[in-house]
Amino acid sequence: MYWTLELAVKLEDAPWPATKEELIDYATRSGAPLELLENLQEIEDEGDVYESIEEIWPDYPSKEDFLWDEDEY
């Protein structure tokens, strides 16, 4: 499984919380890249419900990781 920011961003508008199957369905319907679908299929499924992309990809950058202040713009 290889995550990139470009792939993970495709899941920002996913219907969170979601199961693995719901995420695969969303990615398929939204026309996500094949690599994203492959990553989702590789998740070990134990019937978990994921609250956000951070639970799937712990290194997903948060807004705090960026160096600008949104209030200034």
C-alpha atoms as a PDB file:
ATOM      1  CA  MET A   1       0.000   0.000   0.000  1.00  0.00           C
ATOM      2  CA  TYR A   2       1.465   3.319  -1.071  1.00  0.00           C
ATOM      3  CA  TRP A   3      -0.309   6.532  -0.080  1.00  0.00           C
ATOM      4  CA  THR A   4       0.353   9.956  -1.502  1.00  0.00           C
ATOM      5  CA  LEU A   5      -1.288  13.246  -0.695  1.00  0.00           C
ATOM      6  CA  GLU A   6      -2.799  13.294  -4.178  1.00  0.00           C
ATOM      7  CA  LEU A   7      -4.536   9.960  -3.534  1.00  0.00           C
ATOM      8  CA  ALA A   8      -5.617  10.714   0.023  1.00  0.00           C
ATOM      9  CA  VAL A   9      -7.209  14.035  -0.960  1.00  0.00           C
ATOM     10  CA  LYS A  10      -9.682  12.075  -3.106  1.00  0.00           C
ATOM     11  CA  LEU A  11     -11.171  10.732   0.154  1.00  0.00           C
ATOM     12  CA  GLU A  12     -11.639  14.092   1.893  1.00  0.00           C
ATOM     13  CA  ASP A  13     -15.293  14.286   0.839  1.00  0.00           C
ATOM     14  CA  ALA A  14     -16.004  10.625   1.575  1.00  0.00           C
ATOM     15  CA  PRO A  15     -19.024   9.906   3.797  1.00  0.00           C
ATOM     16  CA  TRP A  16     -17.152   9.617   7.111  1.00  0.00           C
ATOM     17  CA  PRO A  17     -17.509   7.514   9.235  1.00  0.00           C
ATOM     18  CA  ALA A  18     -17.293   4.695   6.711  1.00  0.00           C
ATOM     19  CA  THR A  19     -16.422   1.038   6.379  1.00  0.00           C
ATOM     20  CA  LYS A  20     -13.879  -0.314   3.923  1.00  0.00           C
ATOM     21  CA  GLU A  21     -16.667  -1.328   1.524  1.00  0.00           C
ATOM     22  CA  GLU A  22     -18.299   2.105   1.712  1.00  0.00           C
ATOM     23  CA  LEU A  23     -14.971   3.796   0.942  1.00  0.00           C
ATOM     24  CA  ILE A  24     -14.368   1.504  -2.035  1.00  0.00           C
ATOM     25  CA  ASP A  25     -17.887   2.227  -3.283  1.00  0.00           C
ATOM     26  CA  TYR A  26     -17.372   5.979  -2.867  1.00  0.00           C
ATOM     27  CA  ALA A  27     -13.994   5.876  -4.643  1.00  0.00           C
ATOM     28  CA  THR A  28     -15.476   3.874  -7.519  1.00  0.00           C
ATOM     29  CA  ARG A  29     -18.453   6.215  -7.940  1.00  0.00           C
ATOM     30  CA  SER A  30     -16.304   9.343  -7.732  1.00  0.00           C
ATOM     31  CA  GLY A  31     -13.888   8.151 -10.424  1.00  0.00           C
ATOM     32  CA  ALA A  32     -10.870   7.889  -8.132  1.00  0.00           C
ATOM     33  CA  PRO A  33      -7.578   6.617  -9.559  1.00  0.00           C
ATOM     34  CA  LEU A  34      -6.976   2.871  -9.677  1.00  0.00           C
ATOM     35  CA  GLU A  35      -4.125   3.237  -7.167  1.00  0.00           C
ATOM     36  CA  LEU A  36      -6.572   4.552  -4.558  1.00  0.00           C
ATOM     37  CA  LEU A  37      -8.904   1.605  -5.082  1.00  0.00           C
ATOM     38  CA  GLU A  38      -5.965  -0.796  -4.768  1.00  0.00           C
ATOM     39  CA  ASN A  39      -4.889   0.871  -1.503  1.00  0.00           C
ATOM     40  CA  LEU A  40      -8.387   0.586  -0.083  1.00  0.00           C
ATOM     41  CA  GLN A  41      -8.632  -3.079  -1.081  1.00  0.00           C
ATOM     42  CA  GLU A  42      -5.349  -3.814   0.727  1.00  0.00           C
ATOM     43  CA  ILE A  43      -6.711  -2.584   4.067  1.00  0.00           C
ATOM     44  CA  GLU A  44      -7.089  -5.498   6.464  1.00  0.00           C
ATOM     45  CA  ASP A  45     -10.812  -5.522   7.063  1.00  0.00           C
ATOM     46  CA  GLU A  46     -12.089  -6.558  10.441  1.00  0.00           C
ATOM     47  CA  GLY A  47     -15.410  -4.775  10.027  1.00  0.00           C
ATOM     48  CA  ASP A  48     -13.902  -1.540  11.312  1.00  0.00           C
ATOM     49  CA  VAL A  49     -15.590   1.799  10.826  1.00  0.00           C
ATOM     50  CA  TYR A  50     -13.116   4.551   9.993  1.00  0.00           C
ATOM     51  CA  GLU A  51     -13.796   8.051  11.287  1.00  0.00           C
ATOM     52  CA  SER A  52     -11.353   9.848   8.949  1.00  0.00           C
ATOM     53  CA  ILE A  53      -8.479   9.408   6.525  1.00  0.00           C
ATOM     54  CA  GLU A  54      -6.062   9.663   9.482  1.00  0.00           C
ATOM     55  CA  GLU A  55      -7.216   6.232  10.685  1.00  0.00           C
ATOM     56  CA  ILE A  56      -6.278   4.737   7.322  1.00  0.00           C
ATOM     57  CA  TRP A  57      -3.132   6.787   6.674  1.00  0.00           C
ATOM     58  CA  PRO A  58      -1.739   8.049  10.015  1.00  0.00           C
ATOM     59  CA  ASP A  59       0.783  10.322   8.259  1.00  0.00           C
ATOM     60  CA  TYR A  60      -1.930  12.319   6.484  1.00  0.00           C
ATOM     61  CA  PRO A  61      -0.942  15.985   6.926  1.00  0.00           C
ATOM     62  CA  SER A  62      -3.262  18.123   8.987  1.00  0.00           C
ATOM     63  CA  LYS A  63      -3.877  21.844   8.563  1.00  0.00           C
ATOM     64  CA  GLU A  64      -1.335  22.469  11.325  1.00  0.00           C
ATOM     65  CA  ASP A  65       1.369  20.931   9.119  1.00  0.00           C
ATOM     66  CA  PHE A  66       1.215  23.861   6.721  1.00  0.00           C
ATOM     67  CA  LEU A  67       3.130  27.007   7.526  1.00  0.00           C
ATOM     68  CA  TRP A  68       0.659  29.740   6.595  1.00  0.00           C
ATOM     69  CA  ASP A  69      -1.963  31.427   8.689  1.00  0.00           C
ATOM     70  CA  GLU A  70      -5.374  31.187   7.000  1.00  0.00           C
ATOM     71  CA  ASP A  71      -6.592  34.291   8.853  1.00  0.00           C
ATOM     72  CA  GLU A  72      -4.023  36.419   7.010  1.00  0.00           C
ATOM     73  CA  TYR A  73      -5.453  35.571   3.602  1.00  0.00           C
END
